[in-house]
């Protein structure tokens, strides 16, 4: 009886939300302050309803549950459902085992209004993801509202530098924002963006969207008088260090990140001035960091921090510290229920955050939405003599050496095991396009880099003195797209971790 009461109530609330969604003015009522607990409970109810709906209408999910021996009966405590009975899905256990059609509502792609995206394949074979018309409309409304919330409704000129073609982010951004902005989709093409800025001039408020490494390459290589322009950078696909943000801010007015995934949706969560201020607090204050970051995550360093709407996404953390996400919409063509994207992170609600740290010491948050602390891919680290080194550590090192940052396009942590099973770690640096060498002494530069890494990474600081001299990490420098960087594609995210590559 409780189930049917809650599901009926959700149907009524959805009709009310549909009315609010007819315009951005009314849509903002979904974010009214002091409804934090209400939104959280409604989101959990919606996740329950999506689970029930997918079991009845998605052939692959129904079979998946049967194979696990799970009955779609959720127990409740009061009106709060316990969703822990629902098995977690991921690429290996669900996506790769069932056809794309069987993972859709009623086992079919339909006849029209369906868009197929392709993931970049950075971590393996590329996958195809389907998105129906209704969910694209929902994402469009979220993106447009986020744009106007962050930048107002003035004249905005957006340059979409995300990869276009089959990739999810680039195409969805263009389709979602063209109705509310001037938009040019250049893709990650430095020359096209340079020409666009020089042609249209500095009279517009620009937003350039792209992957962080590309945004840096754009600043380093484009012939633009950046100081004349009012440009905000919006990045996605991977996180950045505060060192990288500061570097970008020497050219851009603002730098904001967005969290999403091809498997799920773009723009699940977004940075704002409050989340950035909070991140700077935990970056520069060990007491804040220790109070907010659970012990199980402290070895991962500094997370990105986003806020998200719990009415649309129910996000949990499993015992391995990985994010498990449910898309809380019945309209999604291919539902995702407790889907593990294998990202490390956790959620913290605002009241909980205020209990951990004195309220008056926290930055101001305009929205009382939950916080998503995201550390990156759960496998995006290198194990070296018992310590873990992440790409964020290396990025922080590069951007705290001002003479080095403008010279470097990318980097890669390369592990190798020799005939005696000794593990070697090589930090490979890729020069920016057009540079044949680096005007710095490589040996002294290597010493400075690894000394800085010891300052940033406590585990490396403790381990490094115990490593034999002939097995200590070494530095290699390559020309643009040479050596290990020949596999990089400017359209895609970088390969920051590589294995079994011969050392230089």
Protein backbone atom coordinates (compact mmCIF):
# COMPACT_ATOMS: atom_id res chain seq x y z
CA UNK A 1 0.00 0.00 0.00
CA UNK A 2 2.86 2.40 0.82
CA UNK A 3 4.39 1.76 -2.61
CA UNK A 4 1.19 2.65 -4.49
CA UNK A 5 0.61 5.71 -2.33
CA UNK A 6 4.15 7.00 -2.99
CA UNK A 7 4.04 6.20 -6.72
CA UNK A 8 0.67 7.97 -7.06
CA UNK A 9 2.04 10.97 -5.19
CA UNK A 10 5.07 11.01 -7.51
CA UNK A 11 2.79 11.04 -10.56
CA UNK A 12 0.97 14.08 -9.17
CA UNK A 13 4.26 15.81 -8.35
CA UNK A 14 5.52 15.07 -11.87
CA UNK A 15 2.50 16.83 -13.36
CA UNK A 16 3.28 19.80 -11.13
CA UNK A 17 6.92 19.73 -12.26
CA UNK A 18 5.86 19.61 -15.91
CA UNK A 19 3.91 22.82 -15.33
CA UNK A 20 6.90 24.47 -13.67
CA UNK A 21 9.10 23.38 -16.57
CA UNK A 22 7.16 25.36 -19.15
CA UNK A 23 9.40 28.38 -18.50
CA UNK A 24 12.68 29.12 -16.75
CA UNK A 25 10.95 31.58 -14.42
CA UNK A 26 8.72 28.89 -12.95
CA UNK A 27 11.39 26.17 -13.27
CA UNK A 28 13.44 27.98 -10.64
CA UNK A 29 10.78 27.12 -8.04
CA UNK A 30 12.28 23.60 -8.05
CA UNK A 31 15.28 25.13 -6.26
CA UNK A 32 13.44 27.04 -3.52
CA UNK A 33 15.57 27.18 -0.33
CA UNK A 34 14.65 25.23 2.80
CA UNK A 35 13.22 22.29 0.84
CA UNK A 36 16.48 20.32 1.02
CA UNK A 37 15.08 17.32 2.90
CA UNK A 38 11.93 17.23 0.76
CA UNK A 39 13.96 17.14 -2.49
CA UNK A 40 16.20 14.43 -1.08
CA UNK A 41 13.30 12.14 -0.11
CA UNK A 42 11.47 12.74 -3.40
CA UNK A 43 14.65 11.82 -5.31
CA UNK A 44 14.93 8.54 -3.43
CA UNK A 45 11.27 7.77 -4.13
CA UNK A 46 11.86 8.47 -7.82
CA UNK A 47 14.85 6.09 -7.89
CA UNK A 48 12.57 3.40 -6.41
CA UNK A 49 9.93 4.06 -9.07
CA UNK A 50 12.49 3.93 -11.89
CA UNK A 51 13.69 0.56 -10.57
CA UNK A 52 10.15 -0.80 -10.51
CA UNK A 53 9.36 0.62 -13.95
CA UNK A 54 12.57 -0.70 -15.54
CA UNK A 55 11.96 -4.17 -14.14
CA UNK A 56 8.54 -4.26 -15.84
CA UNK A 57 9.45 -2.57 -19.12
CA UNK A 58 13.13 -3.18 -19.93
CA UNK A 59 13.82 -6.79 -21.03
CA UNK A 60 17.54 -6.74 -20.23
CA UNK A 61 17.02 -5.28 -16.76
CA UNK A 62 14.26 -7.78 -15.97
CA UNK A 63 16.58 -10.63 -16.97
CA UNK A 64 19.48 -9.07 -15.06
CA UNK A 65 17.40 -9.01 -11.85
CA UNK A 66 16.22 -12.59 -12.40
CA UNK A 67 19.81 -13.74 -12.81
CA UNK A 68 20.60 -12.16 -9.45
CA UNK A 69 17.52 -13.75 -7.90
CA UNK A 70 16.11 -10.38 -6.87
CA UNK A 71 12.41 -9.73 -6.45
CA UNK A 72 11.35 -6.11 -7.08
CA UNK A 73 10.07 -5.70 -3.53
CA UNK A 74 11.57 -2.79 -1.60
CA UNK A 75 11.17 -2.56 2.15
CA UNK A 76 10.52 0.80 3.76
CA UNK A 77 11.19 2.34 7.12
CA UNK A 78 8.33 4.74 7.53
CA UNK A 79 8.15 6.30 4.08
CA UNK A 80 11.86 5.90 3.28
CA UNK A 81 12.72 3.00 0.95
CA UNK A 82 15.77 0.80 1.43
CA UNK A 83 17.28 0.50 -2.05
CA UNK A 84 20.25 -1.62 -0.99
CA UNK A 85 18.54 -4.79 -2.23
CA UNK A 86 18.90 -3.55 -5.80
CA UNK A 87 22.04 -4.99 -7.45
CA UNK A 88 24.54 -2.52 -8.90
CA UNK A 89 24.99 -2.42 -12.68
CA UNK A 90 28.02 -1.35 -14.69
CA UNK A 91 29.52 -1.84 -18.16
CA UNK A 92 30.82 -5.33 -17.47
CA UNK A 93 27.80 -6.78 -15.67
CA UNK A 94 25.06 -5.11 -17.68
CA UNK A 95 26.00 -3.03 -20.73
CA UNK A 96 28.32 -5.56 -22.34
CA UNK A 97 26.09 -8.55 -21.53
CA UNK A 98 22.88 -7.32 -23.14
CA UNK A 99 22.10 -5.85 -26.53
CA UNK A 100 21.51 -2.12 -26.81
CA UNK A 101 17.88 -2.71 -27.88
CA UNK A 102 17.12 -4.97 -24.92
CA UNK A 103 18.39 -2.27 -22.55
CA UNK A 104 15.76 0.13 -23.90
CA UNK A 105 12.12 0.50 -22.90
CA UNK A 106 10.06 -2.34 -24.41
CA UNK A 107 13.19 -3.75 -26.05
CA UNK A 108 13.33 -1.36 -29.00
CA UNK A 109 15.08 1.82 -30.12
CA UNK A 110 11.83 3.10 -31.60
CA UNK A 111 11.45 4.70 -35.01
CA UNK A 112 12.42 8.36 -34.57
CA UNK A 113 13.72 10.99 -32.18
CA UNK A 114 16.54 8.73 -30.98
CA UNK A 115 20.12 9.98 -30.82
CA UNK A 116 23.08 7.63 -30.53
CA UNK A 117 26.28 8.84 -28.88
CA UNK A 118 29.62 7.12 -28.68
CA UNK A 119 31.99 7.21 -25.74
CA UNK A 120 35.58 8.15 -26.47
CA UNK A 121 36.96 4.70 -25.76
CA UNK A 122 39.72 6.15 -23.57
CA UNK A 123 39.47 3.18 -21.20
CA UNK A 124 38.88 0.52 -23.85
CA UNK A 125 36.46 -0.26 -26.66
CA UNK A 126 34.04 2.55 -27.47
CA UNK A 127 30.40 2.06 -26.44
CA UNK A 128 27.19 3.36 -27.97
CA UNK A 129 24.60 5.12 -25.81
CA UNK A 130 21.04 5.95 -26.83
CA UNK A 131 19.05 9.02 -25.77
CA UNK A 132 15.39 9.56 -26.51
CA UNK A 133 13.62 12.79 -27.30
CA UNK A 134 12.08 13.27 -23.84
CA UNK A 135 15.33 12.94 -21.92
CA UNK A 136 17.10 15.28 -24.34
CA UNK A 137 14.40 17.86 -23.65
CA UNK A 138 14.97 17.44 -19.90
CA UNK A 139 18.75 17.85 -20.25
CA UNK A 140 18.22 20.86 -22.52
CA UNK A 141 16.08 22.57 -19.87
CA UNK A 142 18.69 21.85 -17.18
CA UNK A 143 21.53 23.21 -19.31
CA UNK A 144 19.66 26.35 -20.30
CA UNK A 145 18.62 27.05 -16.72
CA UNK A 146 22.19 26.47 -15.51
CA UNK A 147 23.52 28.81 -18.18
CA UNK A 148 21.18 31.65 -17.19
CA UNK A 149 21.66 31.03 -13.46
CA UNK A 150 25.42 31.33 -13.81
CA UNK A 151 25.71 34.03 -16.49
CA UNK A 152 22.35 35.81 -16.67
CA UNK A 153 20.20 36.26 -19.77
CA UNK A 154 22.37 38.83 -21.52
CA UNK A 155 23.90 38.29 -24.93
CA UNK A 156 26.22 35.27 -24.71
CA UNK A 157 28.49 33.97 -27.47
CA UNK A 158 29.29 30.29 -26.86
CA UNK A 159 32.20 28.58 -28.58
CA UNK A 160 31.73 24.83 -28.24
CA UNK A 161 35.21 23.29 -28.36
CA UNK A 162 34.16 19.84 -27.20
CA UNK A 163 34.63 17.04 -29.71
CA UNK A 164 31.76 16.93 -32.19
CA UNK A 165 30.54 14.04 -34.32
CA UNK A 166 29.36 10.97 -32.40
CA UNK A 167 30.57 12.07 -28.95
CA UNK A 168 27.90 12.89 -26.40
CA UNK A 169 29.08 16.14 -24.87
CA UNK A 170 29.79 18.18 -27.99
CA UNK A 171 26.59 17.43 -29.85
CA UNK A 172 24.31 17.69 -26.82
CA UNK A 173 25.80 21.01 -25.76
CA UNK A 174 25.24 22.50 -29.21
CA UNK A 175 21.65 21.24 -29.51
CA UNK A 176 20.76 22.35 -25.99
CA UNK A 177 22.17 25.87 -26.01
CA UNK A 178 21.69 27.14 -29.55
CA UNK A 179 18.18 28.43 -28.73
CA UNK A 180 19.40 30.71 -25.94
CA UNK A 181 22.74 31.97 -27.22
CA UNK A 182 24.91 32.82 -30.17
CA UNK A 183 26.71 29.54 -30.73
CA UNK A 184 29.58 28.38 -32.89
CA UNK A 185 30.60 24.74 -32.71
CA UNK A 186 34.26 24.68 -33.68
CA UNK A 187 35.24 21.47 -31.96
CA UNK A 188 38.77 21.41 -30.49
CA UNK A 189 40.29 23.45 -33.32
CA UNK A 190 42.66 26.16 -32.08
CA UNK A 191 42.88 27.98 -35.40
CA UNK A 192 39.08 28.15 -35.81
CA UNK A 193 38.65 29.58 -32.31
CA UNK A 194 41.46 32.06 -32.85
CA UNK A 195 39.84 33.21 -36.11
CA UNK A 196 36.41 33.40 -34.45
CA UNK A 197 37.60 35.61 -31.60
CA UNK A 198 39.60 37.88 -33.88
CA UNK A 199 36.74 38.16 -36.40
CA UNK A 200 33.89 38.92 -33.97
CA UNK A 201 36.03 40.96 -31.60
CA UNK A 202 35.84 41.67 -27.86
CA UNK A 203 32.35 43.22 -27.74
CA UNK A 204 30.67 39.90 -26.81
CA UNK A 205 30.56 37.95 -23.55
CA UNK A 206 32.17 34.67 -24.58
CA UNK A 207 31.95 31.21 -23.07
CA UNK A 208 34.44 28.67 -24.38
CA UNK A 209 33.61 25.06 -23.49
CA UNK A 210 36.10 22.20 -23.79
CA UNK A 211 38.39 19.65 -22.16
CA UNK A 212 40.93 21.22 -19.75
CA UNK A 213 44.06 20.17 -21.72
CA UNK A 214 42.63 21.72 -24.85
CA UNK A 215 41.75 24.97 -23.08
CA UNK A 216 45.35 25.22 -21.91
CA UNK A 217 46.65 24.49 -25.42
CA UNK A 218 44.34 27.17 -26.76
CA UNK A 219 45.81 29.76 -24.39
CA UNK A 220 49.38 28.72 -25.11
CA UNK A 221 49.12 28.61 -28.89
CA UNK A 222 46.35 30.92 -30.16
CA UNK A 223 47.34 34.41 -31.31
CA UNK A 224 44.68 36.34 -29.40
CA UNK A 225 44.97 39.47 -27.26
CA UNK A 226 43.24 37.74 -24.34
CA UNK A 227 43.23 40.81 -22.12
CA UNK A 228 40.73 42.55 -24.41
CA UNK A 229 38.13 39.79 -24.09
CA UNK A 230 35.56 38.84 -21.46
CA UNK A 231 35.73 35.04 -21.63
CA UNK A 232 34.49 32.37 -19.25
CA UNK A 233 35.84 28.84 -19.60
CA UNK A 234 33.63 25.83 -18.92
CA UNK A 235 35.40 22.48 -18.79
CA UNK A 236 34.27 18.88 -18.58
CA UNK A 237 35.53 15.36 -19.12
CA UNK A 238 38.13 15.50 -16.36
CA UNK A 239 39.00 17.52 -13.29
CA UNK A 240 41.66 20.16 -12.80
CA UNK A 241 43.93 21.25 -9.99
CA UNK A 242 43.61 24.70 -8.47
CA UNK A 243 47.02 25.37 -9.97
CA UNK A 244 45.55 24.73 -13.41
CA UNK A 245 42.53 26.91 -12.60
CA UNK A 246 44.81 29.77 -11.57
CA UNK A 247 46.75 29.40 -14.80
CA UNK A 248 43.53 29.55 -16.85
CA UNK A 249 42.32 32.54 -14.83
CA UNK A 250 45.27 34.59 -16.04
CA UNK A 251 43.42 34.66 -19.38
CA UNK A 252 39.79 33.83 -18.60
CA UNK A 253 37.44 35.78 -16.34
CA UNK A 254 35.89 32.66 -14.77
CA UNK A 255 36.62 28.93 -14.92
CA UNK A 256 33.83 26.47 -14.04
CA UNK A 257 33.65 22.71 -14.30
CA UNK A 258 30.77 20.36 -15.11
CA UNK A 259 30.41 16.68 -14.21
CA UNK A 260 28.79 14.15 -16.50
CA UNK A 261 29.46 10.95 -18.38
CA UNK A 262 28.59 9.38 -21.72
CA UNK A 263 27.15 6.39 -19.83
CA UNK A 264 24.72 8.64 -17.97
CA UNK A 265 24.16 12.30 -18.86
CA UNK A 266 26.10 15.50 -19.35
CA UNK A 267 25.96 18.15 -16.63
CA UNK A 268 24.85 15.94 -13.75
CA UNK A 269 26.59 18.39 -11.44
CA UNK A 270 28.27 21.77 -11.84
CA UNK A 271 30.74 24.01 -10.07
CA UNK A 272 29.76 27.46 -8.87
CA UNK A 273 31.47 30.18 -6.87
CA UNK A 274 30.46 28.49 -3.61
CA UNK A 275 31.82 25.05 -4.49
CA UNK A 276 35.07 26.56 -5.81
CA UNK A 277 35.48 28.53 -2.58
CA UNK A 278 34.86 25.34 -0.59
CA UNK A 279 37.47 23.48 -2.64
CA UNK A 280 40.01 26.24 -2.02
CA UNK A 281 39.25 25.98 1.71
CA UNK A 282 39.99 22.27 1.88
CA UNK A 283 43.01 22.70 -0.40
CA UNK A 284 44.62 25.32 1.79
CA UNK A 285 43.49 24.24 5.25
CA UNK A 286 44.36 20.80 6.58
CA UNK A 287 41.85 21.13 9.43
CA UNK A 288 39.01 21.73 6.96
CA UNK A 289 40.23 18.87 4.78
CA UNK A 290 40.37 16.41 7.67
CA UNK A 291 36.93 17.47 8.92
CA UNK A 292 35.19 17.11 5.55
CA UNK A 293 37.00 14.33 3.67
CA UNK A 294 36.42 10.80 5.05
CA UNK A 295 39.54 8.78 5.89
CA UNK A 296 38.81 6.28 3.08
CA UNK A 297 39.29 9.04 0.48
CA UNK A 298 42.20 11.00 1.92
CA UNK A 299 44.82 9.13 -0.10
CA UNK A 300 43.11 10.40 -3.29
CA UNK A 301 44.00 14.02 -2.68
CA UNK A 302 41.75 16.98 -3.48
CA UNK A 303 38.39 16.27 -5.15
CA UNK A 304 36.40 18.35 -7.56
CA UNK A 305 33.23 19.62 -5.83
CA UNK A 306 29.92 19.99 -7.66
CA UNK A 307 26.32 20.57 -6.68
CA UNK A 308 23.49 18.58 -8.26
CA UNK A 309 19.71 18.29 -8.14
CA UNK A 310 18.63 15.22 -6.12
CA UNK A 311 15.25 15.28 -7.89
CA UNK A 312 17.04 14.10 -11.05
CA UNK A 313 19.89 11.97 -9.73
CA UNK A 314 20.07 9.65 -6.76
CA UNK A 315 23.77 9.21 -5.95
CA UNK A 316 25.28 6.75 -3.48
CA UNK A 317 28.76 5.50 -2.63
CA UNK A 318 29.52 1.78 -2.44
CA UNK A 319 31.92 0.12 -0.03
CA UNK A 320 34.77 0.55 -2.54
CA UNK A 321 34.24 4.31 -2.50
CA UNK A 322 32.75 4.42 -6.00
CA UNK A 323 29.77 6.50 -7.08
CA UNK A 324 26.56 4.60 -7.85
CA UNK A 325 24.05 6.72 -9.79
CA UNK A 326 20.37 6.32 -10.66
CA UNK A 327 18.81 8.57 -13.31
CA UNK A 328 15.46 9.48 -11.75
CA UNK A 329 13.36 9.83 -14.92
CA UNK A 330 10.81 7.37 -16.28
CA UNK A 331 11.18 9.04 -19.68
CA UNK A 332 14.75 7.83 -20.26
CA UNK A 333 14.88 5.45 -23.21
CA UNK A 334 17.61 3.34 -21.61
CA UNK A 335 17.16 3.56 -17.82
CA UNK A 336 20.17 3.49 -15.52
CA UNK A 337 19.48 2.05 -12.07
CA UNK A 338 22.26 2.00 -9.47
CA UNK A 339 24.85 2.29 -12.21
CA UNK A 340 28.51 2.22 -11.19
CA UNK A 341 30.57 4.34 -13.55
CA UNK A 342 33.68 3.50 -11.49
CA UNK A 343 34.37 7.04 -10.37
CA UNK A 344 35.61 7.61 -6.84
CA UNK A 345 33.61 10.00 -4.70
CA UNK A 346 30.91 10.66 -2.15
CA UNK A 347 27.91 12.91 -1.51
CA UNK A 348 27.55 15.38 1.34
CA UNK A 349 24.30 17.17 2.05
CA UNK A 350 24.44 20.80 3.15
CA UNK A 351 23.12 20.20 6.72
CA UNK A 352 25.77 17.50 7.19
CA UNK A 353 28.49 19.81 5.89
CA UNK A 354 27.36 22.52 8.29
CA UNK A 355 27.59 20.05 11.17
CA UNK A 356 31.16 19.10 10.24
CA UNK A 357 32.43 22.68 9.98
CA UNK A 358 31.24 25.83 11.70
CA UNK A 359 28.59 27.37 9.49
CA UNK A 360 30.07 30.85 9.67
CA UNK A 361 33.41 29.58 8.33
CA UNK A 362 31.87 28.12 5.18
CA UNK A 363 31.44 30.06 1.94
CA UNK A 364 27.98 31.24 0.95
CA UNK A 365 25.94 28.75 -1.08
CA UNK A 366 23.06 30.18 -3.05
CA UNK A 367 21.46 26.74 -3.46
CA UNK A 368 20.95 24.19 -0.69
CA UNK A 369 21.61 21.30 -3.06
CA UNK A 370 23.84 18.34 -2.09
CA UNK A 371 27.55 18.34 -2.87
CA UNK A 372 29.23 15.73 -5.04
CA UNK A 373 32.90 15.22 -4.12
CA UNK A 374 34.53 13.64 -7.16
CA UNK A 375 38.10 12.27 -7.18
CA UNK A 376 38.16 10.97 -10.76
CA UNK A 377 38.21 7.48 -12.16
CA UNK A 378 38.69 4.88 -9.46
CA UNK A 379 41.50 3.32 -11.50
CA UNK A 380 43.18 6.62 -12.52
CA UNK A 381 46.26 6.29 -10.37
CA UNK A 382 49.66 4.68 -10.48
CA UNK A 383 50.81 2.40 -7.67
CA UNK A 384 54.51 2.85 -6.96
CA UNK A 385 56.16 1.14 -4.04
CA UNK A 386 52.97 1.17 -2.02
CA UNK A 387 51.99 4.77 -2.75
CA UNK A 388 49.51 6.10 -5.27
CA UNK A 389 50.28 8.92 -7.66
CA UNK A 390 47.43 10.52 -9.56
CA UNK A 391 47.38 12.72 -12.69
CA UNK A 392 46.12 15.55 -10.49
CA UNK A 393 49.36 15.36 -8.49
CA UNK A 394 51.44 15.75 -11.65
CA UNK A 395 49.24 18.54 -12.96
CA UNK A 396 49.67 20.40 -9.69
CA UNK A 397 53.46 20.04 -9.96
CA UNK A 398 53.56 21.36 -13.53
CA UNK A 399 51.43 24.37 -12.77
CA UNK A 400 53.40 25.37 -9.69
CA UNK A 401 56.52 25.68 -11.87
CA UNK A 402 55.66 28.81 -13.91
CA UNK A 403 58.61 28.43 -16.29
CA UNK A 404 57.44 24.90 -17.17
CA UNK A 405 53.65 25.24 -17.55
CA UNK A 406 53.58 27.15 -20.89
CA UNK A 407 55.94 24.60 -22.48
CA UNK A 408 53.93 21.45 -21.72
CA UNK A 409 50.95 20.21 -23.72
CA UNK A 410 50.33 16.98 -21.81
CA UNK A 411 51.91 14.33 -19.63
CA UNK A 412 51.65 10.62 -18.95
CA UNK A 413 52.61 8.38 -16.04
CA UNK A 414 54.16 5.27 -17.59
CA UNK A 415 54.80 2.11 -15.59
CA UNK A 416 57.08 -0.67 -16.73
CA UNK A 417 58.31 -3.93 -15.24
CA UNK A 418 61.79 -5.12 -16.24
CA UNK A 419 63.13 -8.66 -16.63
CA UNK A 420 63.86 -8.82 -12.90
CA UNK A 421 60.28 -7.73 -12.13
CA UNK A 422 61.43 -4.38 -10.83
CA UNK A 423 58.84 -1.69 -11.31
CA UNK A 424 59.84 1.53 -13.02
CA UNK A 425 57.92 4.78 -13.20
CA UNK A 426 58.51 7.28 -15.96
CA UNK A 427 56.95 10.71 -16.11
CA UNK A 428 56.71 11.62 -19.78
CA UNK A 429 56.13 15.27 -20.73
CA UNK A 430 54.84 16.31 -24.14
CA UNK A 431 56.02 19.67 -25.47
CA UNK A 432 53.54 22.10 -26.99
CA UNK A 433 53.19 22.04 -30.75
CA UNK A 434 56.09 23.66 -32.59
CA UNK A 435 58.65 23.25 -29.80
CA UNK A 436 61.59 20.90 -30.48
CA UNK A 437 63.28 21.11 -27.10
CA UNK A 438 62.97 22.58 -23.66
CA UNK A 439 65.23 25.47 -22.60
CA UNK A 440 65.75 23.90 -19.18
CA UNK A 441 68.27 21.39 -17.88
CA UNK A 442 66.46 18.03 -17.87
CA UNK A 443 68.31 16.56 -14.89
CA UNK A 444 67.74 19.54 -12.61
CA UNK A 445 64.17 19.84 -13.89
CA UNK A 446 63.53 16.20 -13.00
CA UNK A 447 64.88 16.78 -9.49
CA UNK A 448 62.64 19.83 -9.06
CA UNK A 449 59.56 17.99 -10.32
CA UNK A 450 59.96 14.99 -8.05
CA UNK A 451 60.88 17.19 -5.09
CA UNK A 452 57.66 19.11 -5.66
CA UNK A 453 55.76 15.83 -5.94
CA UNK A 454 57.03 14.89 -2.49
CA UNK A 455 55.60 18.15 -1.13
CA UNK A 456 52.19 17.46 -2.67
CA UNK A 457 51.90 13.69 -2.15
CA UNK A 458 52.61 12.57 1.41
CA UNK A 459 52.76 8.86 0.52
CA UNK A 460 55.34 9.51 -2.20
CA UNK A 461 57.33 11.62 0.24
CA UNK A 462 57.51 8.68 2.65
CA UNK A 463 58.21 6.04 0.00
CA UNK A 464 60.73 7.79 -2.26
CA UNK A 465 63.73 7.58 0.11
CA UNK A 466 63.29 3.79 0.28
CA UNK A 467 63.47 3.32 -3.48
CA UNK A 468 66.87 2.19 -4.82
CA UNK A 469 68.66 4.84 -6.86
CA UNK A 470 68.45 2.81 -10.07
CA UNK A 471 64.68 2.43 -9.67
CA UNK A 472 63.70 5.97 -8.76
CA UNK A 473 61.16 7.69 -11.05
CA UNK A 474 62.65 9.33 -14.11
CA UNK A 475 61.66 12.09 -16.50
CA UNK A 476 61.38 11.95 -20.30
CA UNK A 477 60.53 14.78 -22.66
CA UNK A 478 58.93 14.25 -26.06
CA UNK A 479 58.01 16.43 -28.99
CA UNK A 480 54.34 17.11 -29.71
CA UNK A 481 52.45 13.86 -30.50
CA UNK A 482 55.68 11.85 -30.40
CA UNK A 483 56.46 8.64 -28.52
CA UNK A 484 53.77 7.71 -25.97
CA UNK A 485 51.73 10.76 -27.02
CA UNK A 486 51.19 9.52 -30.57
CA UNK A 487 48.06 7.71 -29.32
CA UNK A 488 46.45 10.96 -28.12
CA UNK A 489 43.70 12.55 -30.17
CA UNK A 490 42.99 16.25 -29.60
CA UNK A 491 39.25 15.47 -29.77
CA UNK A 492 39.42 13.09 -26.83
CA UNK A 493 40.51 13.00 -23.23
CA UNK A 494 44.19 12.38 -22.60
CA UNK A 495 45.83 9.03 -21.78
CA UNK A 496 47.37 10.03 -18.46
CA UNK A 497 48.16 6.47 -17.38
CA UNK A 498 50.00 3.98 -19.58
CA UNK A 499 51.50 0.59 -18.89
CA UNK A 500 54.05 -1.74 -20.49
CA UNK A 501 55.59 1.07 -22.51
CA UNK A 502 59.33 0.89 -23.05
CA UNK A 503 61.24 3.58 -21.31
CA UNK A 504 63.17 6.14 -23.28
